[in-house]
Amino acid sequence: MKIYTLHTKQNLPISLDQAWIFLANPKNLKTITPEYMHFKTVSGDEKDMFAGQIIQYIVKPFFGISMKWVTEITHVVNKEFFVDEQRFGPYAFWHHKHFIKEIPGGVEIEDIVDYKIPMGFLGRIVHPFLVKPTLSEIFNYRKDKLIELFGEFKEV
């Protein structure tokens, strides 16, 4: 069984409160997801994040094929981190940790995603040229969108 990891960090020139308010609101996930994915929340985004929250999405990650994705927010520590785990969806396993910490001049946002591709050997073959580049593109889009929304971080 091969588990892959995607790890990103980004600094933003906003307060910890601003970062948490934006990132802990499930409705904002659509804002930071590329339009070509046709991301749509079906249910579960009525409240700010809490442990045990189930959120259902429709997404088109590959070739315009529509998929239902169900995640559970399993852990939340206010203004520090939250974890979402896939319950049903395109991955055999998905565990996404979101960390937020205050730094001089803003906040550092860190994402660590551990994931497994379905379909065994075939999944491992398509990972380097389909799944990994798509995930990198999504997180690069997210980074650029957050800069567009909140500004470029400048070292203090």
C-alpha atoms as a PDB file:
ATOM      1  CA  MET A   1       0.000   0.000   0.000  1.00  0.00           C
ATOM      2  CA  LYS A   2       1.506   3.329  -1.106  1.00  0.00           C
ATOM      3  CA  ILE A   3       0.523   6.475   0.820  1.00  0.00           C
ATOM      4  CA  TYR A   4       1.485   9.771  -0.843  1.00  0.00           C
ATOM      5  CA  THR A   5       1.961  13.106   0.916  1.00  0.00           C
ATOM      6  CA  LEU A   6       1.439  16.653  -0.329  1.00  0.00           C
ATOM      7  CA  HIS A   7       2.919  19.326   1.948  1.00  0.00           C
ATOM      8  CA  THR A   8       2.527  23.064   1.378  1.00  0.00           C
ATOM      9  CA  LYS A   9       3.173  26.227   3.399  1.00  0.00           C
ATOM     10  CA  GLN A  10       2.146  29.791   2.725  1.00  0.00           C
ATOM     11  CA  ASN A  11       2.466  33.051   4.620  1.00  0.00           C
ATOM     12  CA  LEU A  12      -0.264  35.682   4.422  1.00  0.00           C
ATOM     13  CA  PRO A  13      -0.275  39.273   5.753  1.00  0.00           C
ATOM     14  CA  ILE A  14      -3.471  38.863   7.783  1.00  0.00           C
ATOM     15  CA  SER A  15      -4.336  38.276  11.409  1.00  0.00           C
ATOM     16  CA  LEU A  16      -4.888  34.865  12.930  1.00  0.00           C
ATOM     17  CA  ASP A  17      -8.553  35.798  13.413  1.00  0.00           C
ATOM     18  CA  GLN A  18      -8.975  36.727   9.722  1.00  0.00           C
ATOM     19  CA  ALA A  19      -7.300  33.527   8.584  1.00  0.00           C
ATOM     20  CA  TRP A  20      -9.397  31.337  10.868  1.00  0.00           C
ATOM     21  CA  ILE A  21     -12.682  33.034   9.940  1.00  0.00           C
ATOM     22  CA  PHE A  22     -11.967  32.453   6.242  1.00  0.00           C
ATOM     23  CA  LEU A  23     -10.495  28.935   6.405  1.00  0.00           C
ATOM     24  CA  ALA A  24     -12.950  27.536   8.974  1.00  0.00           C
ATOM     25  CA  ASN A  25     -15.935  28.491   6.819  1.00  0.00           C
ATOM     26  CA  PRO A  26     -16.687  25.542   4.499  1.00  0.00           C
ATOM     27  CA  LYS A  27     -18.400  27.865   2.001  1.00  0.00           C
ATOM     28  CA  ASN A  28     -15.020  29.439   1.198  1.00  0.00           C
ATOM     29  CA  LEU A  29     -13.619  26.193  -0.191  1.00  0.00           C
ATOM     30  CA  LYS A  30     -15.380  26.925  -3.494  1.00  0.00           C
ATOM     31  CA  THR A  31     -13.587  30.294  -3.656  1.00  0.00           C
ATOM     32  CA  ILE A  32     -10.142  28.685  -3.477  1.00  0.00           C
ATOM     33  CA  THR A  33     -10.863  25.760  -5.814  1.00  0.00           C
ATOM     34  CA  PRO A  34     -10.201  26.063  -9.581  1.00  0.00           C
ATOM     35  CA  GLU A  35     -13.375  26.748 -11.575  1.00  0.00           C
ATOM     36  CA  TYR A  36     -12.742  23.844 -13.981  1.00  0.00           C
ATOM     37  CA  MET A  37     -13.442  21.459 -11.090  1.00  0.00           C
ATOM     38  CA  HIS A  38     -17.064  22.691 -10.930  1.00  0.00           C
ATOM     39  CA  PHE A  39     -16.908  22.423  -7.128  1.00  0.00           C
ATOM     40  CA  LYS A  40     -20.300  22.577  -5.447  1.00  0.00           C
ATOM     41  CA  THR A  41     -21.251  21.991  -1.820  1.00  0.00           C
ATOM     42  CA  VAL A  42     -24.357  19.815  -1.522  1.00  0.00           C
ATOM     43  CA  SER A  43     -24.750  19.946   2.265  1.00  0.00           C
ATOM     44  CA  GLY A  44     -22.934  20.555   5.520  1.00  0.00           C
ATOM     45  CA  ASP A  45     -21.663  24.099   4.970  1.00  0.00           C
ATOM     46  CA  GLU A  46     -24.401  25.821   6.980  1.00  0.00           C
ATOM     47  CA  LYS A  47     -22.179  26.262  10.063  1.00  0.00           C
ATOM     48  CA  ASP A  48     -18.557  27.076  10.740  1.00  0.00           C
ATOM     49  CA  MET A  49     -16.344  24.072  11.165  1.00  0.00           C
ATOM     50  CA  PHE A  50     -16.820  21.700  14.086  1.00  0.00           C
ATOM     51  CA  ALA A  51     -15.597  18.198  14.909  1.00  0.00           C
ATOM     52  CA  GLY A  52     -18.015  15.628  13.508  1.00  0.00           C
ATOM     53  CA  GLN A  53     -19.268  17.871  10.706  1.00  0.00           C
ATOM     54  CA  ILE A  54     -20.076  16.006   7.482  1.00  0.00           C
ATOM     55  CA  ILE A  55     -19.732  18.020   4.271  1.00  0.00           C
ATOM     56  CA  GLN A  56     -20.890  16.702   0.892  1.00  0.00           C
ATOM     57  CA  TYR A  57     -19.547  18.055  -2.393  1.00  0.00           C
ATOM     58  CA  ILE A  58     -19.883  17.431  -6.086  1.00  0.00           C
ATOM     59  CA  VAL A  59     -16.574  17.821  -7.901  1.00  0.00           C
ATOM     60  CA  LYS A  60     -15.214  17.058 -11.372  1.00  0.00           C
ATOM     61  CA  PRO A  61     -11.514  16.374 -10.745  1.00  0.00           C
ATOM     62  CA  PHE A  62     -10.654  14.388 -13.876  1.00  0.00           C
ATOM     63  CA  PHE A  63     -11.962  14.580 -17.443  1.00  0.00           C
ATOM     64  CA  GLY A  64     -15.154  16.395 -16.364  1.00  0.00           C
ATOM     65  CA  ILE A  65     -16.457  13.272 -14.613  1.00  0.00           C
ATOM     66  CA  SER A  66     -18.794  14.265 -11.779  1.00  0.00           C
ATOM     67  CA  MET A  67     -18.052  12.657  -8.396  1.00  0.00           C
ATOM     68  CA  LYS A  68     -19.588  12.930  -4.967  1.00  0.00           C
ATOM     69  CA  TRP A  69     -17.066  13.647  -2.234  1.00  0.00           C
ATOM     70  CA  VAL A  70     -17.999  13.324   1.439  1.00  0.00           C
ATOM     71  CA  THR A  71     -15.611  14.560   4.121  1.00  0.00           C
ATOM     72  CA  GLU A  72     -15.783  14.633   7.885  1.00  0.00           C
ATOM     73  CA  ILE A  73     -14.126  17.301   9.998  1.00  0.00           C
ATOM     74  CA  THR A  74     -12.575  15.042  12.613  1.00  0.00           C
ATOM     75  CA  HIS A  75     -10.530  17.469  14.721  1.00  0.00           C
ATOM     76  CA  VAL A  76     -10.760  21.206  15.372  1.00  0.00           C
ATOM     77  CA  VAL A  77      -8.658  23.337  17.693  1.00  0.00           C
ATOM     78  CA  ASN A  78      -9.847  26.927  17.373  1.00  0.00           C
ATOM     79  CA  LYS A  79      -7.341  29.162  15.569  1.00  0.00           C
ATOM     80  CA  GLU A  80      -4.730  26.368  15.448  1.00  0.00           C
ATOM     81  CA  PHE A  81      -5.752  23.492  13.169  1.00  0.00           C
ATOM     82  CA  PHE A  82      -8.462  21.301  11.743  1.00  0.00           C
ATOM     83  CA  VAL A  83      -8.488  17.937   9.992  1.00  0.00           C
ATOM     84  CA  ASP A  84     -10.756  16.707   7.236  1.00  0.00           C
ATOM     85  CA  GLU A  85     -10.981  13.054   6.241  1.00  0.00           C
ATOM     86  CA  GLN A  86     -12.699  11.608   3.193  1.00  0.00           C
ATOM     87  CA  ARG A  87     -15.531   9.226   3.957  1.00  0.00           C
ATOM     88  CA  PHE A  88     -16.539   8.641   0.304  1.00  0.00           C
ATOM     89  CA  GLY A  89     -14.930   9.994  -2.833  1.00  0.00           C
ATOM     90  CA  PRO A  90     -12.221   9.703  -5.452  1.00  0.00           C
ATOM     91  CA  TYR A  91      -9.410   8.548  -3.133  1.00  0.00           C
ATOM     92  CA  ALA A  92      -8.876   5.253  -1.356  1.00  0.00           C
ATOM     93  CA  PHE A  93      -7.674   7.352   1.606  1.00  0.00           C
ATOM     94  CA  TRP A  94      -7.594  11.128   2.261  1.00  0.00           C
ATOM     95  CA  HIS A  95      -6.424  12.796   5.485  1.00  0.00           C
ATOM     96  CA  HIS A  96      -5.886  16.570   5.266  1.00  0.00           C
ATOM     97  CA  LYS A  97      -4.401  18.549   8.158  1.00  0.00           C
ATOM     98  CA  HIS A  98      -4.698  22.367   8.063  1.00  0.00           C
ATOM     99  CA  PHE A  99      -2.419  24.281  10.460  1.00  0.00           C
ATOM    100  CA  ILE A 100      -2.552  28.026  11.077  1.00  0.00           C
ATOM    101  CA  LYS A 101      -0.090  29.904  13.256  1.00  0.00           C
ATOM    102  CA  GLU A 102       0.694  33.499  13.923  1.00  0.00           C
ATOM    103  CA  ILE A 103       4.064  34.772  12.701  1.00  0.00           C
ATOM    104  CA  PRO A 104       5.546  38.289  12.624  1.00  0.00           C
ATOM    105  CA  GLY A 105       3.557  40.241  10.036  1.00  0.00           C
ATOM    106  CA  GLY A 106       0.804  37.674   9.516  1.00  0.00           C
ATOM    107  CA  VAL A 107       0.078  33.964   9.581  1.00  0.00           C
ATOM    108  CA  GLU A 108       1.604  30.771   8.257  1.00  0.00           C
ATOM    109  CA  ILE A 109      -0.810  28.291   6.701  1.00  0.00           C
ATOM    110  CA  GLU A 110       0.418  24.733   6.383  1.00  0.00           C
ATOM    111  CA  ASP A 111      -1.388  21.873   4.656  1.00  0.00           C
ATOM    112  CA  ILE A 112      -0.372  18.236   4.935  1.00  0.00           C
ATOM    113  CA  VAL A 113      -2.388  15.800   2.855  1.00  0.00           C
ATOM    114  CA  ASP A 114      -1.807  12.066   3.123  1.00  0.00           C
ATOM    115  CA  TYR A 115      -3.656  10.150   0.420  1.00  0.00           C
ATOM    116  CA  LYS A 116      -3.887   6.812  -1.341  1.00  0.00           C
ATOM    117  CA  ILE A 117      -4.937   6.273  -4.931  1.00  0.00           C
ATOM    118  CA  PRO A 118      -7.549   3.584  -5.676  1.00  0.00           C
ATOM    119  CA  MET A 119      -7.050   0.804  -8.247  1.00  0.00           C
ATOM    120  CA  GLY A 120      -3.793  -0.613  -6.825  1.00  0.00           C
ATOM    121  CA  PHE A 121      -1.001  -0.938  -9.380  1.00  0.00           C
ATOM    122  CA  LEU A 122      -2.936   1.012 -12.042  1.00  0.00           C
ATOM    123  CA  GLY A 123      -3.467   3.874  -9.574  1.00  0.00           C
ATOM    124  CA  ARG A 124       0.257   3.970  -8.807  1.00  0.00           C
ATOM    125  CA  ILE A 125       1.000   4.139 -12.550  1.00  0.00           C
ATOM    126  CA  VAL A 126      -1.290   7.151 -13.175  1.00  0.00           C
ATOM    127  CA  HIS A 127      -0.302   8.993  -9.984  1.00  0.00           C
ATOM    128  CA  PRO A 128       2.837  10.763 -11.318  1.00  0.00           C
ATOM    129  CA  PHE A 129       1.264  12.136 -14.494  1.00  0.00           C
ATOM    130  CA  LEU A 130      -2.400  12.616 -13.515  1.00  0.00           C
ATOM    131  CA  VAL A 131      -3.148  12.732  -9.788  1.00  0.00           C
ATOM    132  CA  LYS A 132       0.004  14.382  -8.411  1.00  0.00           C
ATOM    133  CA  PRO A 133       0.074  17.179 -11.028  1.00  0.00           C
ATOM    134  CA  THR A 134      -3.657  17.824 -10.558  1.00  0.00           C
ATOM    135  CA  LEU A 135      -3.301  18.099  -6.777  1.00  0.00           C
ATOM    136  CA  SER A 136      -0.265  20.380  -7.186  1.00  0.00           C
ATOM    137  CA  GLU A 137      -2.244  22.566  -9.590  1.00  0.00           C
ATOM    138  CA  ILE A 138      -5.169  22.785  -7.151  1.00  0.00           C
ATOM    139  CA  PHE A 139      -2.930  23.807  -4.257  1.00  0.00           C
ATOM    140  CA  ASN A 140      -1.007  26.300  -6.447  1.00  0.00           C
ATOM    141  CA  TYR A 141      -4.338  27.820  -7.486  1.00  0.00           C
ATOM    142  CA  ARG A 142      -5.301  27.995  -3.808  1.00  0.00           C
ATOM    143  CA  LYS A 143      -2.039  29.763  -2.978  1.00  0.00           C
ATOM    144  CA  ASP A 144      -2.500  32.303  -5.781  1.00  0.00           C
ATOM    145  CA  LYS A 145      -6.149  32.896  -4.861  1.00  0.00           C
ATOM    146  CA  LEU A 146      -5.277  33.541  -1.211  1.00  0.00           C
ATOM    147  CA  ILE A 147      -2.649  36.101  -2.329  1.00  0.00           C
ATOM    148  CA  GLU A 148      -5.269  37.714  -4.582  1.00  0.00           C
ATOM    149  CA  LEU A 149      -7.736  37.886  -1.670  1.00  0.00           C
ATOM    150  CA  PHE A 150      -5.382  38.890   1.153  1.00  0.00           C
ATOM    151  CA  GLY A 151      -2.209  40.283  -0.427  1.00  0.00           C
ATOM    152  CA  GLU A 152       1.398  39.233  -0.760  1.00  0.00           C
ATOM    153  CA  PHE A 153       3.324  38.489   2.437  1.00  0.00           C
ATOM    154  CA  LYS A 154       6.395  40.640   3.034  1.00  0.00           C
ATOM    155  CA  GLU A 155       9.053  39.589   5.536  1.00  0.00           C
ATOM    156  CA  VAL A 156       9.109  41.800   8.643  1.00  0.00           C
END
